[in-house]
Amino acid sequence: MGGMMSTERRKARRINKNLLVQYRESGDAKCWDIAQVKDISESGIVIQTDKIFAVNVILHLRIKLPSRPFLCLEFDGRIVECEKCQVRIEIKKIDSVGKNMLGEYIAWHINKYPPQNEGTM
């Protein structure tokens, strides 16, 4: 829904990481679906799915992070944009344990795989 994906506005550090995410619309406790994470930050996530969502729809999401394979990161997010199978979601409701777990994972990933400067070989 909406036009083309807008220009970059995100300020949080994000990582491009292929993870699976389970999600469902808020209020639908039984109908879970699976999507691929395109990138993730402490404030948002982009997933790839064949479903079309309206802006402002609330999703409940859960992800198993490689750094904590026995725990499940769960949070609610608000769809801010949906275009060409990519859904941008703002993280709206996450507990302090989940927020810390996500922040630690992103920091670990950035330290292990530092961003490469474009234009260098």
PDB file of N, CA and C in Angstrom:
ATOM      1  N   MET A   1       0.843  -1.144   0.000  1.00  0.00           N
ATOM      2  CA  MET A   1       0.000   0.000   0.000  1.00  0.00           C
ATOM      3  C   MET A   1       0.899   1.220   0.000  1.00  0.00           C
ATOM      4  N   GLY A   2       0.476   2.283  -0.550  1.00  0.00           N
ATOM      5  CA  GLY A   2       1.299   3.468  -0.591  1.00  0.00           C
ATOM      6  C   GLY A   2       2.169   3.472  -1.820  1.00  0.00           C
ATOM      7  N   GLY A   3       3.033   4.474  -1.906  1.00  0.00           N
ATOM      8  CA  GLY A   3       3.899   4.626  -3.061  1.00  0.00           C
ATOM      9  C   GLY A   3       5.191   3.863  -2.903  1.00  0.00           C
ATOM     10  N   MET A   4       6.188   4.343  -3.602  1.00  0.00           N
ATOM     11  CA  MET A   4       7.485   3.694  -3.548  1.00  0.00           C
ATOM     12  C   MET A   4       8.073   3.814  -2.155  1.00  0.00           C
ATOM     13  N   MET A   5       8.958   2.878  -1.815  1.00  0.00           N
ATOM     14  CA  MET A   5       9.609   2.935  -0.519  1.00  0.00           C
ATOM     15  C   MET A   5      10.312   4.287  -0.420  1.00  0.00           C
ATOM     16  N   SER A   6      10.102   4.962   0.661  1.00  0.00           N
ATOM     17  CA  SER A   6      10.611   6.320   0.804  1.00  0.00           C
ATOM     18  C   SER A   6      12.115   6.328   1.045  1.00  0.00           C
ATOM     19  N   THR A   7      12.688   7.515   0.991  1.00  0.00           N
ATOM     20  CA  THR A   7      14.119   7.653   1.236  1.00  0.00           C
ATOM     21  C   THR A   7      14.422   7.268   2.679  1.00  0.00           C
ATOM     22  N   GLU A   8      15.666   6.965   2.909  1.00  0.00           N
ATOM     23  CA  GLU A   8      16.098   6.502   4.221  1.00  0.00           C
ATOM     24  C   GLU A   8      15.885   7.562   5.294  1.00  0.00           C
ATOM     25  N   ARG A   9      15.149   7.201   6.353  1.00  0.00           N
ATOM     26  CA  ARG A   9      14.897   8.103   7.462  1.00  0.00           C
ATOM     27  C   ARG A   9      15.362   7.501   8.784  1.00  0.00           C
ATOM     28  N   ARG A  10      15.714   6.237   8.785  1.00  0.00           N
ATOM     29  CA  ARG A  10      16.058   5.575  10.034  1.00  0.00           C
ATOM     30  C   ARG A  10      17.401   6.057  10.544  1.00  0.00           C
ATOM     31  N   LYS A  11      17.497   6.207  11.867  1.00  0.00           N
ATOM     32  CA  LYS A  11      18.718   6.696  12.490  1.00  0.00           C
ATOM     33  C   LYS A  11      19.403   5.621  13.312  1.00  0.00           C
ATOM     34  N   ALA A  12      18.708   4.583  13.698  1.00  0.00           N
ATOM     35  CA  ALA A  12      19.296   3.527  14.521  1.00  0.00           C
ATOM     36  C   ALA A  12      20.219   2.645  13.678  1.00  0.00           C
ATOM     37  N   ARG A  13      21.268   2.127  14.322  1.00  0.00           N
ATOM     38  CA  ARG A  13      22.140   1.182  13.635  1.00  0.00           C
ATOM     39  C   ARG A  13      21.332  -0.049  13.266  1.00  0.00           C
ATOM     40  N   ARG A  14      21.492  -0.498  12.050  1.00  0.00           N
ATOM     41  CA  ARG A  14      20.750  -1.680  11.633  1.00  0.00           C
ATOM     42  C   ARG A  14      21.699  -2.643  10.952  1.00  0.00           C
ATOM     43  N   ILE A  15      21.280  -3.887  10.924  1.00  0.00           N
ATOM     44  CA  ILE A  15      22.091  -4.911  10.281  1.00  0.00           C
ATOM     45  C   ILE A  15      21.246  -5.631   9.241  1.00  0.00           C
ATOM     46  N   ASN A  16      21.904  -6.038   8.178  1.00  0.00           N
ATOM     47  CA  ASN A  16      21.273  -6.879   7.170  1.00  0.00           C
ATOM     48  C   ASN A  16      21.567  -8.311   7.574  1.00  0.00           C
ATOM     49  N   LYS A  17      20.556  -9.023   7.977  1.00  0.00           N
ATOM     50  CA  LYS A  17      20.744 -10.373   8.484  1.00  0.00           C
ATOM     51  C   LYS A  17      19.548 -11.212   8.086  1.00  0.00           C
ATOM     52  N   ASN A  18      19.816 -12.371   7.506  1.00  0.00           N
ATOM     53  CA  ASN A  18      18.738 -13.284   7.141  1.00  0.00           C
ATOM     54  C   ASN A  18      18.308 -14.070   8.371  1.00  0.00           C
ATOM     55  N   LEU A  19      17.168 -13.696   8.894  1.00  0.00           N
ATOM     56  CA  LEU A  19      16.558 -14.384  10.031  1.00  0.00           C
ATOM     57  C   LEU A  19      15.114 -14.674   9.669  1.00  0.00           C
ATOM     58  N   LEU A  20      14.561 -15.679  10.292  1.00  0.00           N
ATOM     59  CA  LEU A  20      13.133 -15.923  10.135  1.00  0.00           C
ATOM     60  C   LEU A  20      12.392 -15.233  11.260  1.00  0.00           C
ATOM     61  N   VAL A  21      11.234 -14.701  10.936  1.00  0.00           N
ATOM     62  CA  VAL A  21      10.387 -14.055  11.923  1.00  0.00           C
ATOM     63  C   VAL A  21       8.982 -14.641  11.799  1.00  0.00           C
ATOM     64  N   GLN A  22       8.386 -14.934  12.931  1.00  0.00           N
ATOM     65  CA  GLN A  22       6.982 -15.324  12.959  1.00  0.00           C
ATOM     66  C   GLN A  22       6.191 -14.066  13.288  1.00  0.00           C
ATOM     67  N   TYR A  23       5.026 -13.925  12.659  1.00  0.00           N
ATOM     68  CA  TYR A  23       4.214 -12.744  12.937  1.00  0.00           C
ATOM     69  C   TYR A  23       2.735 -13.082  12.806  1.00  0.00           C
ATOM     70  N   ARG A  24       1.944 -12.257  13.463  1.00  0.00           N
ATOM     71  CA  ARG A  24       0.480 -12.341  13.353  1.00  0.00           C
ATOM     72  C   ARG A  24      -0.084 -10.960  13.604  1.00  0.00           C
ATOM     73  N   GLU A  25      -1.261 -10.741  13.061  1.00  0.00           N
ATOM     74  CA  GLU A  25      -1.908  -9.457  13.343  1.00  0.00           C
ATOM     75  C   GLU A  25      -2.358  -9.450  14.794  1.00  0.00           C
ATOM     76  N   SER A  26      -2.248  -8.285  15.417  1.00  0.00           N
ATOM     77  CA  SER A  26      -2.667  -8.143  16.801  1.00  0.00           C
ATOM     78  C   SER A  26      -4.122  -8.563  16.947  1.00  0.00           C
ATOM     79  N   GLY A  27      -4.412  -9.348  17.953  1.00  0.00           N
ATOM     80  CA  GLY A  27      -5.775  -9.812  18.183  1.00  0.00           C
ATOM     81  C   GLY A  27      -6.068 -11.168  17.572  1.00  0.00           C
ATOM     82  N   ASP A  28      -5.204 -11.677  16.694  1.00  0.00           N
ATOM     83  CA  ASP A  28      -5.402 -12.982  16.060  1.00  0.00           C
ATOM     84  C   ASP A  28      -4.397 -13.954  16.673  1.00  0.00           C
ATOM     85  N   ALA A  29      -4.795 -14.597  17.769  1.00  0.00           N
ATOM     86  CA  ALA A  29      -3.861 -15.422  18.535  1.00  0.00           C
ATOM     87  C   ALA A  29      -3.486 -16.727  17.836  1.00  0.00           C
ATOM     88  N   LYS A  30      -4.236 -17.155  16.828  1.00  0.00           N
ATOM     89  CA  LYS A  30      -4.013 -18.471  16.246  1.00  0.00           C
ATOM     90  C   LYS A  30      -3.325 -18.463  14.893  1.00  0.00           C
ATOM     91  N   CYS A  31      -3.376 -17.390  14.161  1.00  0.00           N
ATOM     92  CA  CYS A  31      -2.924 -17.383  12.770  1.00  0.00           C
ATOM     93  C   CYS A  31      -1.534 -16.767  12.622  1.00  0.00           C
ATOM     94  N   TRP A  32      -0.503 -17.568  12.850  1.00  0.00           N
ATOM     95  CA  TRP A  32       0.880 -17.126  12.704  1.00  0.00           C
ATOM     96  C   TRP A  32       1.344 -17.371  11.284  1.00  0.00           C
ATOM     97  N   ASP A  33       2.200 -16.513  10.783  1.00  0.00           N
ATOM     98  CA  ASP A  33       2.817 -16.688   9.478  1.00  0.00           C
ATOM     99  C   ASP A  33       4.324 -16.495   9.656  1.00  0.00           C
ATOM    100  N   ILE A  34       5.098 -16.849   8.634  1.00  0.00           N
ATOM    101  CA  ILE A  34       6.555 -16.730   8.689  1.00  0.00           C
ATOM    102  C   ILE A  34       7.018 -15.838   7.551  1.00  0.00           C
ATOM    103  N   ALA A  35       8.030 -15.018   7.834  1.00  0.00           N
ATOM    104  CA  ALA A  35       8.617 -14.143   6.817  1.00  0.00           C
ATOM    105  C   ALA A  35      10.128 -14.112   7.016  1.00  0.00           C
ATOM    106  N   GLN A  36      10.796 -13.494   6.059  1.00  0.00           N
ATOM    107  CA  GLN A  36      12.248 -13.326   6.100  1.00  0.00           C
ATOM    108  C   GLN A  36      12.567 -11.904   6.543  1.00  0.00           C
ATOM    109  N   VAL A  37      13.502 -11.765   7.478  1.00  0.00           N
ATOM    110  CA  VAL A  37      13.972 -10.452   7.889  1.00  0.00           C
ATOM    111  C   VAL A  37      14.952  -9.949   6.835  1.00  0.00           C
ATOM    112  N   LYS A  38      14.758  -8.724   6.385  1.00  0.00           N
ATOM    113  CA  LYS A  38      15.714  -8.088   5.468  1.00  0.00           C
ATOM    114  C   LYS A  38      16.755  -7.312   6.264  1.00  0.00           C
ATOM    115  N   ASP A  39      16.296  -6.485   7.185  1.00  0.00           N
ATOM    116  CA  ASP A  39      17.210  -5.824   8.119  1.00  0.00           C
ATOM    117  C   ASP A  39      16.476  -5.518   9.413  1.00  0.00           C
ATOM    118  N   ILE A  40      17.274  -5.271  10.453  1.00  0.00           N
ATOM    119  CA  ILE A  40      16.699  -5.060  11.781  1.00  0.00           C
ATOM    120  C   ILE A  40      17.556  -4.056  12.549  1.00  0.00           C
ATOM    121  N   SER A  41      16.894  -3.243  13.360  1.00  0.00           N
ATOM    122  CA  SER A  41      17.569  -2.304  14.251  1.00  0.00           C
ATOM    123  C   SER A  41      16.826  -2.319  15.581  1.00  0.00           C
ATOM    124  N   GLU A  42      17.287  -1.503  16.514  1.00  0.00           N
ATOM    125  CA  GLU A  42      16.611  -1.432  17.807  1.00  0.00           C
ATOM    126  C   GLU A  42      15.267  -0.710  17.717  1.00  0.00           C
ATOM    127  N   SER A  43      15.023  -0.021  16.609  1.00  0.00           N
ATOM    128  CA  SER A  43      13.764   0.723  16.480  1.00  0.00           C
ATOM    129  C   SER A  43      12.847   0.202  15.384  1.00  0.00           C
ATOM    130  N   GLY A  44      13.334  -0.711  14.555  1.00  0.00           N
ATOM    131  CA  GLY A  44      12.476  -1.191  13.479  1.00  0.00           C
ATOM    132  C   GLY A  44      13.027  -2.409  12.775  1.00  0.00           C
ATOM    133  N   ILE A  45      12.209  -2.941  11.895  1.00  0.00           N
ATOM    134  CA  ILE A  45      12.544  -4.153  11.167  1.00  0.00           C
ATOM    135  C   ILE A  45      11.906  -4.079   9.788  1.00  0.00           C
ATOM    136  N   VAL A  46      12.579  -4.616   8.796  1.00  0.00           N
ATOM    137  CA  VAL A  46      12.004  -4.759   7.457  1.00  0.00           C
ATOM    138  C   VAL A  46      11.908  -6.246   7.184  1.00  0.00           C
ATOM    139  N   ILE A  47      10.709  -6.692   6.832  1.00  0.00           N
ATOM    140  CA  ILE A  47      10.509  -8.099   6.510  1.00  0.00           C
ATOM    141  C   ILE A  47      10.049  -8.229   5.067  1.00  0.00           C
ATOM    142  N   GLN A  48      10.290  -9.400   4.502  1.00  0.00           N
ATOM    143  CA  GLN A  48       9.822  -9.699   3.158  1.00  0.00           C
ATOM    144  C   GLN A  48       8.723 -10.749   3.273  1.00  0.00           C
ATOM    145  N   THR A  49       7.568 -10.417   2.733  1.00  0.00           N
ATOM    146  CA  THR A  49       6.424 -11.320   2.774  1.00  0.00           C
ATOM    147  C   THR A  49       5.572 -11.077   1.543  1.00  0.00           C
ATOM    148  N   ASP A  50       4.778 -12.058   1.177  1.00  0.00           N
ATOM    149  CA  ASP A  50       3.897 -11.887   0.024  1.00  0.00           C
ATOM    150  C   ASP A  50       2.552 -11.277   0.421  1.00  0.00           C
ATOM    151  N   LYS A  51       2.385 -10.971   1.696  1.00  0.00           N
ATOM    152  CA  LYS A  51       1.135 -10.360   2.165  1.00  0.00           C
ATOM    153  C   LYS A  51       1.211  -8.841   2.052  1.00  0.00           C
ATOM    154  N   ILE A  52       0.065  -8.245   1.819  1.00  0.00           N
ATOM    155  CA  ILE A  52      -0.057  -6.792   1.744  1.00  0.00           C
ATOM    156  C   ILE A  52      -0.763  -6.323   3.013  1.00  0.00           C
ATOM    157  N   PHE A  53      -0.179  -5.327   3.661  1.00  0.00           N
ATOM    158  CA  PHE A  53      -0.747  -4.776   4.881  1.00  0.00           C
ATOM    159  C   PHE A  53      -1.003  -3.285   4.711  1.00  0.00           C
ATOM    160  N   ALA A  54      -1.990  -2.805   5.412  1.00  0.00           N
ATOM    161  CA  ALA A  54      -2.252  -1.366   5.454  1.00  0.00           C
ATOM    162  C   ALA A  54      -1.316  -0.721   6.481  1.00  0.00           C
ATOM    163  N   VAL A  55      -0.982   0.524   6.251  1.00  0.00           N
ATOM    164  CA  VAL A  55      -0.187   1.297   7.202  1.00  0.00           C
ATOM    165  C   VAL A  55      -0.950   1.374   8.523  1.00  0.00           C
ATOM    166  N   ASN A  56      -0.208   1.340   9.615  1.00  0.00           N
ATOM    167  CA  ASN A  56      -0.704   1.424  10.988  1.00  0.00           C
ATOM    168  C   ASN A  56      -1.265   0.121  11.547  1.00  0.00           C
ATOM    169  N   VAL A  57      -1.276  -0.950  10.763  1.00  0.00           N
ATOM    170  CA  VAL A  57      -1.672  -2.254  11.302  1.00  0.00           C
ATOM    171  C   VAL A  57      -0.624  -2.664  12.331  1.00  0.00           C
ATOM    172  N   ILE A  58      -1.076  -3.237  13.441  1.00  0.00           N
ATOM    173  CA  ILE A  58      -0.165  -3.697  14.492  1.00  0.00           C
ATOM    174  C   ILE A  58       0.057  -5.200  14.333  1.00  0.00           C
ATOM    175  N   LEU A  59       1.331  -5.588  14.305  1.00  0.00           N
ATOM    176  CA  LEU A  59       1.705  -7.000  14.239  1.00  0.00           C
ATOM    177  C   LEU A  59       2.404  -7.392  15.526  1.00  0.00           C
ATOM    178  N   HIS A  60       2.225  -8.634  15.924  1.00  0.00           N
ATOM    179  CA  HIS A  60       3.010  -9.218  17.006  1.00  0.00           C
ATOM    180  C   HIS A  60       4.055 -10.093  16.321  1.00  0.00           C
ATOM    181  N   LEU A  61       5.333  -9.903  16.661  1.00  0.00           N
ATOM    182  CA  LEU A  61       6.423 -10.611  15.998  1.00  0.00           C
ATOM    183  C   LEU A  61       7.267 -11.352  17.021  1.00  0.00           C
ATOM    184  N   ARG A  62       7.866 -12.452  16.573  1.00  0.00           N
ATOM    185  CA  ARG A  62       8.819 -13.163  17.414  1.00  0.00           C
ATOM    186  C   ARG A  62       9.941 -13.744  16.565  1.00  0.00           C
ATOM    187  N   ILE A  63      11.152 -13.614  17.107  1.00  0.00           N
ATOM    188  CA  ILE A  63      12.366 -13.999  16.398  1.00  0.00           C
ATOM    189  C   ILE A  63      13.276 -14.735  17.379  1.00  0.00           C
ATOM    190  N   LYS A  64      13.933 -15.771  16.889  1.00  0.00           N
ATOM    191  CA  LYS A  64      15.003 -16.412  17.654  1.00  0.00           C
ATOM    192  C   LYS A  64      16.310 -15.876  17.114  1.00  0.00           C
ATOM    193  N   LEU A  65      17.053 -15.211  17.974  1.00  0.00           N
ATOM    194  CA  LEU A  65      18.339 -14.641  17.577  1.00  0.00           C
ATOM    195  C   LEU A  65      19.435 -15.683  17.769  1.00  0.00           C
ATOM    196  N   PRO A  66      20.392 -15.766  16.846  1.00  0.00           N
ATOM    197  CA  PRO A  66      21.472 -16.747  16.982  1.00  0.00           C
ATOM    198  C   PRO A  66      22.258 -16.615  18.286  1.00  0.00           C
ATOM    199  N   SER A  67      22.337 -15.408  18.826  1.00  0.00           N
ATOM    200  CA  SER A  67      23.087 -15.198  20.066  1.00  0.00           C
ATOM    201  C   SER A  67      22.366 -15.739  21.302  1.00  0.00           C
ATOM    202  N   ARG A  68      21.065 -15.956  21.193  1.00  0.00           N
ATOM    203  CA  ARG A  68      20.259 -16.476  22.309  1.00  0.00           C
ATOM    204  C   ARG A  68      19.262 -17.508  21.762  1.00  0.00           C
ATOM    205  N   PRO A  69      19.748 -18.670  21.319  1.00  0.00           N
ATOM    206  CA  PRO A  69      18.881 -19.618  20.606  1.00  0.00           C
ATOM    207  C   PRO A  69      17.761 -20.231  21.449  1.00  0.00           C
ATOM    208  N   PHE A  70      17.842 -20.140  22.770  1.00  0.00           N
ATOM    209  CA  PHE A  70      16.804 -20.736  23.599  1.00  0.00           C
ATOM    210  C   PHE A  70      15.768 -19.729  24.072  1.00  0.00           C
ATOM    211  N   LEU A  71      15.951 -18.473  23.681  1.00  0.00           N
ATOM    212  CA  LEU A  71      14.996 -17.428  24.031  1.00  0.00           C
ATOM    213  C   LEU A  71      14.335 -16.904  22.768  1.00  0.00           C
ATOM    214  N   CYS A  72      13.154 -16.398  22.925  1.00  0.00           N
ATOM    215  CA  CYS A  72      12.422 -15.840  21.797  1.00  0.00           C
ATOM    216  C   CYS A  72      12.207 -14.347  22.044  1.00  0.00           C
ATOM    217  N   LEU A  73      12.680 -13.525  21.121  1.00  0.00           N
ATOM    218  CA  LEU A  73      12.460 -12.084  21.178  1.00  0.00           C
ATOM    219  C   LEU A  73      11.058 -11.806  20.659  1.00  0.00           C
ATOM    220  N   GLU A  74      10.214 -11.206  21.486  1.00  0.00           N
ATOM    221  CA  GLU A  74       8.844 -10.897  21.076  1.00  0.00           C
ATOM    222  C   GLU A  74       8.581  -9.416  21.257  1.00  0.00           C
ATOM    223  N   PHE A  75       7.853  -8.851  20.282  1.00  0.00           N
ATOM    224  CA  PHE A  75       7.512  -7.436  20.349  1.00  0.00           C
ATOM    225  C   PHE A  75       6.333  -7.150  19.426  1.00  0.00           C
ATOM    226  N   ASP A  76       5.712  -6.003  19.646  1.00  0.00           N
ATOM    227  CA  ASP A  76       4.666  -5.506  18.766  1.00  0.00           C
ATOM    228  C   ASP A  76       5.256  -4.403  17.903  1.00  0.00           C
ATOM    229  N   GLY A  77       4.787  -4.341  16.676  1.00  0.00           N
ATOM    230  CA  GLY A  77       5.261  -3.312  15.774  1.00  0.00           C
ATOM    231  C   GLY A  77       4.133  -2.744  14.941  1.00  0.00           C
ATOM    232  N   ARG A  78       4.325  -1.497  14.534  1.00  0.00           N
ATOM    233  CA  ARG A  78       3.343  -0.800  13.702  1.00  0.00           C
ATOM    234  C   ARG A  78       3.890  -0.693  12.286  1.00  0.00           C
ATOM    235  N   ILE A  79       3.088  -1.106  11.315  1.00  0.00           N
ATOM    236  CA  ILE A  79       3.508  -1.024   9.920  1.00  0.00           C
ATOM    237  C   ILE A  79       3.538   0.440   9.502  1.00  0.00           C
ATOM    238  N   VAL A  80       4.698   0.870   8.995  1.00  0.00           N
ATOM    239  CA  VAL A  80       4.833   2.245   8.530  1.00  0.00           C
ATOM    240  C   VAL A  80       4.849   2.321   7.007  1.00  0.00           C
ATOM    241  N   GLU A  81       5.144   1.191   6.348  1.00  0.00           N
ATOM    242  CA  GLU A  81       5.164   1.184   4.889  1.00  0.00           C
ATOM    243  C   GLU A  81       5.128  -0.257   4.393  1.00  0.00           C
ATOM    244  N   CYS A  82       4.421  -0.467   3.289  1.00  0.00           N
ATOM    245  CA  CYS A  82       4.316  -1.797   2.692  1.00  0.00           C
ATOM    246  C   CYS A  82       4.360  -1.624   1.183  1.00  0.00           C
ATOM    247  N   GLU A  83       5.398  -2.168   0.556  1.00  0.00           N
ATOM    248  CA  GLU A  83       5.571  -1.997  -0.882  1.00  0.00           C
ATOM    249  C   GLU A  83       6.394  -3.146  -1.446  1.00  0.00           C
ATOM    250  N   LYS A  84       5.924  -3.744  -2.523  1.00  0.00           N
ATOM    251  CA  LYS A  84       6.667  -4.776  -3.252  1.00  0.00           C
ATOM    252  C   LYS A  84       7.235  -5.847  -2.331  1.00  0.00           C
ATOM    253  N   CYS A  85       6.412  -6.431  -1.530  1.00  0.00           N
ATOM    254  CA  CYS A  85       6.776  -7.536  -0.632  1.00  0.00           C
ATOM    255  C   CYS A  85       7.680  -7.122   0.527  1.00  0.00           C
ATOM    256  N   GLN A  86       7.982  -5.853   0.662  1.00  0.00           N
ATOM    257  CA  GLN A  86       8.776  -5.384   1.800  1.00  0.00           C
ATOM    258  C   GLN A  86       7.880  -4.580   2.736  1.00  0.00           C
ATOM    259  N   VAL A  87       7.937  -4.952   4.002  1.00  0.00           N
ATOM    260  CA  VAL A  87       7.115  -4.301   5.013  1.00  0.00           C
ATOM    261  C   VAL A  87       8.045  -3.683   6.052  1.00  0.00           C
ATOM    262  N   ARG A  88       7.969  -2.360   6.190  1.00  0.00           N
ATOM    263  CA  ARG A  88       8.737  -1.651   7.220  1.00  0.00           C
ATOM    264  C   ARG A  88       7.872  -1.540   8.469  1.00  0.00           C
ATOM    265  N   ILE A  89       8.465  -1.935   9.589  1.00  0.00           N
ATOM    266  CA  ILE A  89       7.724  -2.005  10.845  1.00  0.00           C
ATOM    267  C   ILE A  89       8.496  -1.257  11.920  1.00  0.00           C
ATOM    268  N   GLU A  90       7.816  -0.365  12.606  1.00  0.00           N
ATOM    269  CA  GLU A  90       8.389   0.347  13.740  1.00  0.00           C
ATOM    270  C   GLU A  90       8.128  -0.469  15.002  1.00  0.00           C
ATOM    271  N   ILE A  91       9.168  -0.757  15.759  1.00  0.00           N
ATOM    272  CA  ILE A  91       8.998  -1.494  17.008  1.00  0.00           C
ATOM    273  C   ILE A  91       8.325  -0.571  18.019  1.00  0.00           C
ATOM    274  N   LYS A  92       7.176  -0.998  18.515  1.00  0.00           N
ATOM    275  CA  LYS A  92       6.386  -0.149  19.413  1.00  0.00           C
ATOM    276  C   LYS A  92       6.348  -0.667  20.849  1.00  0.00           C
ATOM    277  N   LYS A  93       6.263  -1.966  21.022  1.00  0.00           N
ATOM    278  CA  LYS A  93       6.101  -2.508  22.366  1.00  0.00           C
ATOM    279  C   LYS A  93       7.069  -3.673  22.538  1.00  0.00           C
ATOM    280  N   ILE A  94       8.103  -3.432  23.344  1.00  0.00           N
ATOM    281  CA  ILE A  94       9.113  -4.456  23.611  1.00  0.00           C
ATOM    282  C   ILE A  94       9.532  -4.296  25.064  1.00  0.00           C
ATOM    283  N   ASP A  95       9.645  -5.409  25.785  1.00  0.00           N
ATOM    284  CA  ASP A  95      10.029  -5.290  27.188  1.00  0.00           C
ATOM    285  C   ASP A  95      11.528  -5.028  27.312  1.00  0.00           C
ATOM    286  N   SER A  96      11.977  -4.690  28.507  1.00  0.00           N
ATOM    287  CA  SER A  96      13.377  -4.306  28.715  1.00  0.00           C
ATOM    288  C   SER A  96      14.334  -5.461  28.429  1.00  0.00           C
ATOM    289  N   VAL A  97      13.936  -6.689  28.734  1.00  0.00           N
ATOM    290  CA  VAL A  97      14.786  -7.850  28.439  1.00  0.00           C
ATOM    291  C   VAL A  97      14.946  -7.989  26.927  1.00  0.00           C
ATOM    292  N   GLY A  98      13.845  -7.876  26.190  1.00  0.00           N
ATOM    293  CA  GLY A  98      13.899  -7.968  24.737  1.00  0.00           C
ATOM    294  C   GLY A  98      14.707  -6.841  24.119  1.00  0.00           C
ATOM    295  N   LYS A  99      14.535  -5.639  24.645  1.00  0.00           N
ATOM    296  CA  LYS A  99      15.282  -4.486  24.124  1.00  0.00           C
ATOM    297  C   LYS A  99      16.777  -4.687  24.326  1.00  0.00           C
ATOM    298  N   ASN A 100      17.174  -5.163  25.510  1.00  0.00           N
ATOM    299  CA  ASN A 100      18.584  -5.436  25.783  1.00  0.00           C
ATOM    300  C   ASN A 100      19.114  -6.554  24.886  1.00  0.00           C
ATOM    301  N   MET A 101      18.326  -7.619  24.726  1.00  0.00           N
ATOM    302  CA  MET A 101      18.738  -8.740  23.891  1.00  0.00           C
ATOM    303  C   MET A 101      18.962  -8.287  22.446  1.00  0.00           C
ATOM    304  N   LEU A 102      18.059  -7.483  21.918  1.00  0.00           N
ATOM    305  CA  LEU A 102      18.184  -6.991  20.548  1.00  0.00           C
ATOM    306  C   LEU A 102      19.394  -6.062  20.416  1.00  0.00           C
ATOM    307  N   GLY A 103      19.569  -5.148  21.362  1.00  0.00           N
ATOM    308  CA  GLY A 103      20.704  -4.236  21.322  1.00  0.00           C
ATOM    309  C   GLY A 103      22.039  -4.965  21.386  1.00  0.00           C
ATOM    310  N   GLU A 104      22.127  -5.968  22.252  1.00  0.00           N
ATOM    311  CA  GLU A 104      23.352  -6.763  22.360  1.00  0.00           C
ATOM    312  C   GLU A 104      23.633  -7.523  21.069  1.00  0.00           C
ATOM    313  N   TYR A 105      22.590  -8.088  20.468  1.00  0.00           N
ATOM    314  CA  TYR A 105      22.774  -8.842  19.224  1.00  0.00           C
ATOM    315  C   TYR A 105      23.258  -7.927  18.093  1.00  0.00           C
ATOM    316  N   ILE A 106      22.662  -6.769  17.963  1.00  0.00           N
ATOM    317  CA  ILE A 106      23.063  -5.831  16.904  1.00  0.00           C
ATOM    318  C   ILE A 106      24.505  -5.380  17.126  1.00  0.00           C
ATOM    319  N   ALA A 107      24.864  -5.040  18.361  1.00  0.00           N
ATOM    320  CA  ALA A 107      26.242  -4.620  18.666  1.00  0.00           C
ATOM    321  C   ALA A 107      27.221  -5.752  18.371  1.00  0.00           C
ATOM    322  N   TRP A 108      26.882  -6.979  18.776  1.00  0.00           N
ATOM    323  CA  TRP A 108      27.738  -8.129  18.511  1.00  0.00           C
ATOM    324  C   TRP A 108      27.934  -8.311  17.001  1.00  0.00           C
ATOM    325  N   HIS A 109      26.842  -8.231  16.251  1.00  0.00           N
ATOM    326  CA  HIS A 109      26.911  -8.437  14.801  1.00  0.00           C
ATOM    327  C   HIS A 109      27.761  -7.355  14.136  1.00  0.00           C
ATOM    328  N   ILE A 110      27.588  -6.107  14.540  1.00  0.00           N
ATOM    329  CA  ILE A 110      28.362  -5.006  13.952  1.00  0.00           C
ATOM    330  C   ILE A 110      29.853  -5.165  14.288  1.00  0.00           C
ATOM    331  N   ASN A 111      30.167  -5.604  15.511  1.00  0.00           N
ATOM    332  CA  ASN A 111      31.568  -5.812  15.882  1.00  0.00           C
ATOM    333  C   ASN A 111      32.185  -6.992  15.126  1.00  0.00           C
ATOM    334  N   LYS A 112      31.410  -8.028  14.924  1.00  0.00           N
ATOM    335  CA  LYS A 112      31.917  -9.227  14.238  1.00  0.00           C
ATOM    336  C   LYS A 112      32.019  -8.988  12.733  1.00  0.00           C
ATOM    337  N   TYR A 113      31.065  -8.274  12.173  1.00  0.00           N
ATOM    338  CA  TYR A 113      31.017  -8.010  10.731  1.00  0.00           C
ATOM    339  C   TYR A 113      30.957  -6.506  10.485  1.00  0.00           C
ATOM    340  N   PRO A 114      32.058  -5.798  10.655  1.00  0.00           N
ATOM    341  CA  PRO A 114      32.027  -4.337  10.491  1.00  0.00           C
ATOM    342  C   PRO A 114      31.599  -3.955   9.076  1.00  0.00           C
ATOM    343  N   PRO A 115      30.850  -2.850   8.953  1.00  0.00           N
ATOM    344  CA  PRO A 115      30.423  -2.405   7.617  1.00  0.00           C
ATOM    345  C   PRO A 115      31.628  -2.134   6.736  1.00  0.00           C
ATOM    346  N   GLN A 116      31.537  -2.553   5.498  1.00  0.00           N
ATOM    347  CA  GLN A 116      32.611  -2.335   4.540  1.00  0.00           C
ATOM    348  C   GLN A 116      32.396  -0.971   3.885  1.00  0.00           C
ATOM    349  N   ASN A 117      33.475  -0.234   3.681  1.00  0.00           N
ATOM    350  CA  ASN A 117      33.382   1.039   2.970  1.00  0.00           C
ATOM    351  C   ASN A 117      33.079   0.766   1.517  1.00  0.00           C
ATOM    352  N   GLU A 118      32.094   1.459   0.998  1.00  0.00           N
ATOM    353  CA  GLU A 118      31.760   1.307  -0.403  1.00  0.00           C
ATOM    354  C   GLU A 118      32.875   1.879  -1.254  1.00  0.00           C
ATOM    355  N   GLY A 119      33.157   1.252  -2.367  1.00  0.00           N
ATOM    356  CA  GLY A 119      34.177   1.735  -3.268  1.00  0.00           C
ATOM    357  C   GLY A 119      35.552   1.148  -2.981  1.00  0.00           C
ATOM    358  N   THR A 120      35.676   0.328  -1.908  1.00  0.00           N
ATOM    359  CA  THR A 120      36.955  -0.318  -1.645  1.00  0.00           C
ATOM    360  C   THR A 120      36.860  -1.783  -2.018  1.00  0.00           C
ATOM    361  N   MET A 121      37.972  -2.363  -2.336  1.00  0.00           N
ATOM    362  CA  MET A 121      37.981  -3.768  -2.729  1.00  0.00           C
ATOM    363  C   MET A 121      38.449  -4.620  -1.589  1.00  0.00           C
TER     364      MET A 121
END
